[in-house]
PDB file of N, CA and C in Angstrom:
ATOM      1  N   MET A   1     103.341 184.492 -60.431  1.00  0.00           N
ATOM      2  CA  MET A   1     103.184 185.542 -60.019  1.00  0.00           C
ATOM      3  C   MET A   1     101.978 186.437 -60.114  1.00  0.00           C
ATOM      4  N   ALA A   2     101.554 187.416 -59.715  1.00  0.00           N
ATOM      5  CA  ALA A   2     100.799 188.666 -60.978  1.00  0.00           C
ATOM      6  C   ALA A   2     102.127 189.927 -61.187  1.00  0.00           C
ATOM      7  N   ARG A   3     102.360 189.898 -62.382  1.00  0.00           N
ATOM      8  CA  ARG A   3     102.374 191.155 -63.048  1.00  0.00           C
ATOM      9  C   ARG A   3     101.920 192.391 -62.627  1.00  0.00           C
ATOM     10  N   THR A   4     102.742 193.099 -63.026  1.00  0.00           N
ATOM     11  CA  THR A   4     102.267 195.032 -62.844  1.00  0.00           C
ATOM     12  C   THR A   4     101.963 195.093 -63.791  1.00  0.00           C
ATOM     13  N   ILE A   5     101.170 196.302 -63.380  1.00  0.00           N
ATOM     14  CA  ILE A   5     100.564 196.739 -65.282  1.00  0.00           C
ATOM     15  C   ILE A   5     101.377 197.781 -65.563  1.00  0.00           C
ATOM     16  N   LYS A   6     102.661 197.690 -65.536  1.00  0.00           N
ATOM     17  CA  LYS A   6     103.531 198.217 -66.403  1.00  0.00           C
ATOM     18  C   LYS A   6     104.444 197.127 -66.849  1.00  0.00           C
ATOM     19  N   GLU A   7     104.203 195.928 -66.482  1.00  0.00           N
ATOM     20  CA  GLU A   7     104.985 194.547 -66.931  1.00  0.00           C
ATOM     21  C   GLU A   7     103.786 194.189 -67.926  1.00  0.00           C
ATOM     22  N   GLN A   8     102.398 193.950 -67.497  1.00  0.00           N
ATOM     23  CA  GLN A   8     101.620 193.920 -68.294  1.00  0.00           C
ATOM     24  C   GLN A   8     102.100 194.949 -70.014  1.00  0.00           C
ATOM     25  N   VAL A   9     101.621 195.892 -70.381  1.00  0.00           N
ATOM     26  CA  VAL A   9     101.887 196.748 -70.646  1.00  0.00           C
ATOM     27  C   VAL A   9     103.032 196.308 -72.242  1.00  0.00           C
ATOM     28  N   ILE A  10     104.179 196.030 -71.005  1.00  0.00           N
ATOM     29  CA  ILE A  10     105.392 195.762 -71.191  1.00  0.00           C
ATOM     30  C   ILE A  10     105.081 195.100 -72.652  1.00  0.00           C
ATOM     31  N   GLN A  11     104.154 193.696 -72.217  1.00  0.00           N
ATOM     32  CA  GLN A  11     104.555 192.424 -72.628  1.00  0.00           C
ATOM     33  C   GLN A  11     103.195 192.702 -74.447  1.00  0.00           C
ATOM     34  N   CYS A  12     102.446 193.864 -74.057  1.00  0.00           N
ATOM     35  CA  CYS A  12     101.555 194.244 -75.166  1.00  0.00           C
ATOM     36  C   CYS A  12     102.585 194.546 -76.202  1.00  0.00           C
ATOM     37  N   ILE A  13     103.887 195.386 -75.979  1.00  0.00           N
ATOM     38  CA  ILE A  13     104.544 196.347 -76.552  1.00  0.00           C
ATOM     39  C   ILE A  13     105.216 195.381 -77.625  1.00  0.00           C
ATOM     40  N   GLU A  14     105.826 194.345 -76.905  1.00  0.00           N
ATOM     41  CA  GLU A  14     106.491 193.414 -77.059  1.00  0.00           C
ATOM     42  C   GLU A  14     106.060 192.275 -78.363  1.00  0.00           C
ATOM     43  N   ASP A  15     104.328 192.297 -77.984  1.00  0.00           N
ATOM     44  CA  ASP A  15     104.132 190.893 -78.732  1.00  0.00           C
ATOM     45  C   ASP A  15     104.164 191.960 -80.562  1.00  0.00           C
ATOM     46  N   VAL A  16     103.549 193.506 -80.249  1.00  0.00           N
ATOM     47  CA  VAL A  16     103.514 194.328 -81.565  1.00  0.00           C
ATOM     48  C   VAL A  16     104.452 194.601 -82.344  1.00  0.00           C
ATOM     49  N   ARG A  17     105.668 195.024 -81.163  1.00  0.00           N
ATOM     50  CA  ARG A  17     107.328 194.754 -81.821  1.00  0.00           C
ATOM     51  C   ARG A  17     107.577 194.590 -83.103  1.00  0.00           C
ATOM     52  N   PRO A  18     107.917 192.881 -83.164  1.00  0.00           N
ATOM     53  CA  PRO A  18     108.080 192.802 -84.428  1.00  0.00           C
ATOM     54  C   PRO A  18     107.458 193.429 -85.769  1.00  0.00           C
ATOM     55  N   GLN A  19     106.473 193.442 -85.436  1.00  0.00           N
ATOM     56  CA  GLN A  19     105.576 194.114 -87.097  1.00  0.00           C
ATOM     57  C   GLN A  19     106.174 195.538 -87.364  1.00  0.00           C
ATOM     58  N   LEU A  20     106.004 196.482 -86.124  1.00  0.00           N
ATOM     59  CA  LEU A  20     106.744 197.441 -86.278  1.00  0.00           C
ATOM     60  C   LEU A  20     107.721 197.409 -87.031  1.00  0.00           C
ATOM     61  N   GLN A  21     109.356 196.702 -86.169  1.00  0.00           N
ATOM     62  CA  GLN A  21     110.492 196.586 -86.687  1.00  0.00           C
ATOM     63  C   GLN A  21     110.276 196.016 -88.107  1.00  0.00           C
ATOM     64  N   ALA A  22     109.411 195.319 -88.818  1.00  0.00           N
ATOM     65  CA  ALA A  22     109.634 194.475 -89.994  1.00  0.00           C
ATOM     66  C   ALA A  22     109.089 196.061 -90.666  1.00  0.00           C
ATOM     67  N   ASP A  23     109.135 196.697 -90.260  1.00  0.00           N
ATOM     68  CA  ASP A  23     108.448 198.306 -91.694  1.00  0.00           C
ATOM     69  C   ASP A  23     109.333 198.973 -90.260  1.00  0.00           C
ATOM     70  N   GLY A  24     111.498 198.620 -90.396  1.00  0.00           N
ATOM     71  CA  GLY A  24     112.097 200.230 -89.798  1.00  0.00           C
ATOM     72  C   GLY A  24     111.031 200.713 -88.917  1.00  0.00           C
ATOM     73  N   GLY A  25     110.333 200.503 -88.149  1.00  0.00           N
ATOM     74  CA  GLY A  25     110.342 201.426 -87.028  1.00  0.00           C
ATOM     75  C   GLY A  25     110.056 200.522 -85.712  1.00  0.00           C
ATOM     76  N   ASP A  26     110.017 201.006 -84.255  1.00  0.00           N
ATOM     77  CA  ASP A  26     110.024 200.601 -83.007  1.00  0.00           C
ATOM     78  C   ASP A  26     108.808 201.747 -82.548  1.00  0.00           C
ATOM     79  N   ILE A  27     108.982 200.845 -80.807  1.00  0.00           N
ATOM     80  CA  ILE A  27     108.119 201.362 -80.129  1.00  0.00           C
ATOM     81  C   ILE A  27     108.514 200.972 -78.304  1.00  0.00           C
ATOM     82  N   GLU A  28     108.711 202.107 -77.496  1.00  0.00           N
ATOM     83  CA  GLU A  28     109.505 202.372 -76.199  1.00  0.00           C
ATOM     84  C   GLU A  28     108.243 202.652 -75.055  1.00  0.00           C
ATOM     85  N   LEU A  29     107.657 201.786 -74.245  1.00  0.00           N
ATOM     86  CA  LEU A  29     107.072 202.793 -73.111  1.00  0.00           C
ATOM     87  C   LEU A  29     107.801 203.413 -72.384  1.00  0.00           C
ATOM     88  N   VAL A  30     107.603 204.626 -72.231  1.00  0.00           N
ATOM     89  CA  VAL A  30     107.834 205.940 -71.335  1.00  0.00           C
ATOM     90  C   VAL A  30     107.606 206.031 -70.195  1.00  0.00           C
ATOM     91  N   GLU A  31     106.093 205.561 -70.088  1.00  0.00           N
ATOM     92  CA  GLU A  31     105.608 205.026 -68.637  1.00  0.00           C
ATOM     93  C   GLU A  31     104.338 205.275 -68.524  1.00  0.00           C
ATOM     94  N   VAL A  32     104.165 205.266 -67.119  1.00  0.00           N
ATOM     95  CA  VAL A  32     102.439 204.546 -66.896  1.00  0.00           C
ATOM     96  C   VAL A  32     102.368 205.421 -65.813  1.00  0.00           C
ATOM     97  N   ASP A  33     101.492 205.783 -65.908  1.00  0.00           N
ATOM     98  CA  ASP A  33     100.833 206.929 -65.008  1.00  0.00           C
ATOM     99  C   ASP A  33      99.795 207.546 -64.984  1.00  0.00           C
ATOM    100  N   ASN A  34      98.348 207.063 -63.880  1.00  0.00           N
ATOM    101  CA  ASN A  34      97.619 207.601 -64.310  1.00  0.00           C
ATOM    102  C   ASN A  34      96.747 206.901 -64.662  1.00  0.00           C
ATOM    103  N   GLY A  35      96.937 205.628 -64.913  1.00  0.00           N
ATOM    104  CA  GLY A  35      95.707 204.898 -66.058  1.00  0.00           C
ATOM    105  C   GLY A  35      96.600 204.932 -67.345  1.00  0.00           C
ATOM    106  N   ILE A  36      97.527 206.141 -67.886  1.00  0.00           N
ATOM    107  CA  ILE A  36      97.679 206.013 -68.707  1.00  0.00           C
ATOM    108  C   ILE A  36      98.954 205.668 -69.221  1.00  0.00           C
ATOM    109  N   ALA A  37      99.478 205.175 -70.019  1.00  0.00           N
ATOM    110  CA  ALA A  37     100.285 204.476 -70.656  1.00  0.00           C
ATOM    111  C   ALA A  37     101.028 205.612 -71.925  1.00  0.00           C
ATOM    112  N   LYS A  38     102.279 206.079 -71.849  1.00  0.00           N
ATOM    113  CA  LYS A  38     102.952 206.740 -72.926  1.00  0.00           C
ATOM    114  C   LYS A  38     103.798 206.281 -73.523  1.00  0.00           C
ATOM    115  N   VAL A  39     103.955 206.348 -74.740  1.00  0.00           N
ATOM    116  CA  VAL A  39     104.976 205.632 -75.256  1.00  0.00           C
ATOM    117  C   VAL A  39     105.598 206.490 -76.318  1.00  0.00           C
ATOM    118  N   LYS A  40     107.189 206.072 -76.889  1.00  0.00           N
ATOM    119  CA  LYS A  40     107.542 206.656 -77.996  1.00  0.00           C
ATOM    120  C   LYS A  40     107.688 206.276 -79.240  1.00  0.00           C
ATOM    121  N   LEU A  41     107.219 206.569 -80.222  1.00  0.00           N
ATOM    122  CA  LEU A  41     107.306 206.105 -81.470  1.00  0.00           C
ATOM    123  C   LEU A  41     108.813 205.929 -82.152  1.00  0.00           C
ATOM    124  N   LYS A  42     109.387 205.194 -82.606  1.00  0.00           N
ATOM    125  CA  LYS A  42     110.077 205.391 -82.967  1.00  0.00           C
ATOM    126  C   LYS A  42     110.668 204.713 -84.993  1.00  0.00           C
ATOM    127  N   GLY A  43     112.285 205.505 -85.241  1.00  0.00           N
ATOM    128  CA  GLY A  43     112.798 204.890 -86.237  1.00  0.00           C
ATOM    129  C   GLY A  43     111.489 205.364 -87.145  1.00  0.00           C
ATOM    130  N   ALA A  44     111.064 204.878 -88.416  1.00  0.00           N
ATOM    131  CA  ALA A  44     110.113 204.920 -89.512  1.00  0.00           C
ATOM    132  C   ALA A  44     108.664 205.131 -88.739  1.00  0.00           C
ATOM    133  N   CYS A  45     108.901 204.350 -87.401  1.00  0.00           N
ATOM    134  CA  CYS A  45     107.110 205.079 -87.370  1.00  0.00           C
ATOM    135  C   CYS A  45     107.225 206.362 -86.735  1.00  0.00           C
ATOM    136  N   SER A  46     108.405 206.704 -85.926  1.00  0.00           N
ATOM    137  CA  SER A  46     107.992 208.163 -85.419  1.00  0.00           C
ATOM    138  C   SER A  46     107.585 209.285 -87.043  1.00  0.00           C
ATOM    139  N   GLY A  47     107.280 208.911 -88.108  1.00  0.00           N
ATOM    140  CA  GLY A  47     107.212 210.251 -89.034  1.00  0.00           C
ATOM    141  C   GLY A  47     106.317 209.305 -90.239  1.00  0.00           C
ATOM    142  N   CYS A  48     105.807 208.254 -89.204  1.00  0.00           N
ATOM    143  CA  CYS A  48     104.997 208.096 -90.195  1.00  0.00           C
ATOM    144  C   CYS A  48     102.782 208.450 -90.497  1.00  0.00           C
ATOM    145  N   PRO A  49     103.026 208.453 -91.934  1.00  0.00           N
ATOM    146  CA  PRO A  49     101.379 208.582 -91.343  1.00  0.00           C
ATOM    147  C   PRO A  49     100.783 207.451 -91.470  1.00  0.00           C
ATOM    148  N   ASN A  50     101.102 206.705 -91.419  1.00  0.00           N
ATOM    149  CA  ASN A  50     100.186 205.299 -90.676  1.00  0.00           C
ATOM    150  C   ASN A  50     100.737 204.983 -89.114  1.00  0.00           C
ATOM    151  N   SER A  51     100.945 205.758 -88.703  1.00  0.00           N
ATOM    152  CA  SER A  51     101.816 204.698 -86.721  1.00  0.00           C
ATOM    153  C   SER A  51     100.506 205.366 -86.485  1.00  0.00           C
ATOM    154  N   ALA A  52      99.087 206.664 -86.196  1.00  0.00           N
ATOM    155  CA  ALA A  52      98.320 206.765 -85.616  1.00  0.00           C
ATOM    156  C   ALA A  52      97.155 205.282 -86.193  1.00  0.00           C
ATOM    157  N   MET A  53      97.159 205.178 -86.760  1.00  0.00           N
ATOM    158  CA  MET A  53      96.586 204.080 -87.120  1.00  0.00           C
ATOM    159  C   MET A  53      96.512 202.926 -86.595  1.00  0.00           C
ATOM    160  N   THR A  54      98.585 202.022 -87.104  1.00  0.00           N
ATOM    161  CA  THR A  54      98.823 201.008 -86.488  1.00  0.00           C
ATOM    162  C   THR A  54      99.579 201.302 -84.762  1.00  0.00           C
ATOM    163  N   LEU A  55      99.400 202.145 -84.111  1.00  0.00           N
ATOM    164  CA  LEU A  55      99.497 201.846 -82.793  1.00  0.00           C
ATOM    165  C   LEU A  55      97.906 201.809 -82.109  1.00  0.00           C
ATOM    166  N   GLN A  56      96.684 202.762 -82.995  1.00  0.00           N
ATOM    167  CA  GLN A  56      95.972 202.172 -82.496  1.00  0.00           C
ATOM    168  C   GLN A  56      94.961 200.817 -82.566  1.00  0.00           C
ATOM    169  N   TRP A  57      95.477 199.646 -84.319  1.00  0.00           N
ATOM    170  CA  TRP A  57      94.657 199.268 -83.718  1.00  0.00           C
ATOM    171  C   TRP A  57      95.962 197.380 -83.213  1.00  0.00           C
ATOM    172  N   GLY A  58      97.081 198.121 -83.636  1.00  0.00           N
ATOM    173  CA  GLY A  58      97.971 197.383 -82.537  1.00  0.00           C
ATOM    174  C   GLY A  58      98.008 197.365 -81.227  1.00  0.00           C
ATOM    175  N   VAL A  59      98.658 198.492 -80.334  1.00  0.00           N
ATOM    176  CA  VAL A  59      99.525 198.877 -79.887  1.00  0.00           C
ATOM    177  C   VAL A  59      98.409 198.686 -78.709  1.00  0.00           C
ATOM    178  N   VAL A  60      97.251 199.579 -78.752  1.00  0.00           N
ATOM    179  CA  VAL A  60      96.125 200.444 -78.294  1.00  0.00           C
ATOM    180  C   VAL A  60      95.214 199.550 -78.338  1.00  0.00           C
ATOM    181  N   ASN A  61      94.923 199.075 -78.750  1.00  0.00           N
ATOM    182  CA  ASN A  61      93.752 197.317 -78.893  1.00  0.00           C
ATOM    183  C   ASN A  61      94.591 196.361 -78.139  1.00  0.00           C
ATOM    184  N   CYS A  62      95.634 196.151 -77.552  1.00  0.00           N
ATOM    185  CA  CYS A  62      96.529 194.416 -77.018  1.00  0.00           C
ATOM    186  C   CYS A  62      96.043 195.352 -75.672  1.00  0.00           C
ATOM    187  N   ILE A  63      96.657 196.153 -75.769  1.00  0.00           N
ATOM    188  CA  ILE A  63      96.925 197.265 -74.188  1.00  0.00           C
ATOM    189  C   ILE A  63      95.334 197.000 -74.038  1.00  0.00           C
ATOM    190  N   LYS A  64      93.723 197.631 -74.218  1.00  0.00           N
ATOM    191  CA  LYS A  64      92.906 197.405 -72.997  1.00  0.00           C
ATOM    192  C   LYS A  64      92.455 195.901 -73.115  1.00  0.00           C
ATOM    193  N   LYS A  65      92.919 195.590 -74.462  1.00  0.00           N
ATOM    194  CA  LYS A  65      91.973 194.390 -73.984  1.00  0.00           C
ATOM    195  C   LYS A  65      92.758 193.162 -72.785  1.00  0.00           C
ATOM    196  N   ARG A  66      94.428 193.308 -72.366  1.00  0.00           N
ATOM    197  CA  ARG A  66      94.812 192.759 -71.853  1.00  0.00           C
ATOM    198  C   ARG A  66      94.956 193.935 -70.520  1.00  0.00           C
ATOM    199  N   VAL A  67      95.498 194.834 -70.328  1.00  0.00           N
ATOM    200  CA  VAL A  67      95.458 195.436 -69.188  1.00  0.00           C
ATOM    201  C   VAL A  67      93.785 196.434 -68.843  1.00  0.00           C
ATOM    202  N   PRO A  68      92.969 196.123 -68.422  1.00  0.00           N
ATOM    203  CA  PRO A  68      91.889 197.207 -68.061  1.00  0.00           C
ATOM    204  C   PRO A  68      92.142 198.154 -67.555  1.00  0.00           C
ATOM    205  N   GLU A  69      92.890 198.124 -67.231  1.00  0.00           N
ATOM    206  CA  GLU A  69      93.802 199.677 -65.910  1.00  0.00           C
ATOM    207  C   GLU A  69      94.218 200.671 -66.521  1.00  0.00           C
ATOM    208  N   ILE A  70      94.431 200.416 -67.862  1.00  0.00           N
ATOM    209  CA  ILE A  70      95.158 201.765 -68.940  1.00  0.00           C
ATOM    210  C   ILE A  70      93.479 201.722 -69.268  1.00  0.00           C
ATOM    211  N   LYS A  71      93.783 203.130 -69.164  1.00  0.00           N
ATOM    212  CA  LYS A  71      92.862 203.892 -70.007  1.00  0.00           C
ATOM    213  C   LYS A  71      92.883 204.879 -71.327  1.00  0.00           C
ATOM    214  N   SER A  72      94.124 205.184 -71.352  1.00  0.00           N
ATOM    215  CA  SER A  72      94.616 205.358 -72.917  1.00  0.00           C
ATOM    216  C   SER A  72      95.447 204.718 -72.713  1.00  0.00           C
ATOM    217  N   VAL A  73      96.092 205.411 -74.128  1.00  0.00           N
ATOM    218  CA  VAL A  73      97.590 205.146 -75.073  1.00  0.00           C
ATOM    219  C   VAL A  73      98.153 206.686 -75.386  1.00  0.00           C
ATOM    220  N   GLU A  74      99.302 206.976 -74.735  1.00  0.00           N
ATOM    221  CA  GLU A  74      99.451 208.917 -75.948  1.00  0.00           C
ATOM    222  C   GLU A  74     101.134 208.332 -76.196  1.00  0.00           C
ATOM    223  N   VAL A  75     101.030 209.251 -76.853  1.00  0.00           N
ATOM    224  CA  VAL A  75     102.801 208.888 -77.386  1.00  0.00           C
ATOM    225  C   VAL A  75     102.983 210.243 -77.672  1.00  0.00           C
ATOM    226  N   VAL A  76     104.648 210.019 -76.936  1.00  0.00           N
ATOM    227  CA  VAL A  76     105.178 211.593 -76.387  1.00  0.00           C
ATOM    228  C   VAL A  76     106.258 211.569 -77.406  1.00  0.00           C
ATOM    229  N   LYS A  77     107.055 212.523 -77.494  1.00  0.00           N
ATOM    230  CA  LYS A  77     107.808 212.761 -78.349  1.00  0.00           C
ATOM    231  C   LYS A  77     109.668 212.540 -77.807  1.00  0.00           C
TER     232      LYS A  77
END
């Protein structure tokens, strides 16, 4: 059975989560709406100056590669 877009995004997050947790951070999917995945950075990631780079190279690349329906990933508070 085909997975939903949300399920596919969650799988990408699960794939990169161990790397974030190793540095004391975490990420949570808040929602998927009109091709935008909204995520919340938690723990050490929420205030880290490298979080934008981590988000871009880890999460965004994975999502855009595997889930072409997602046009952008936004961080929400």
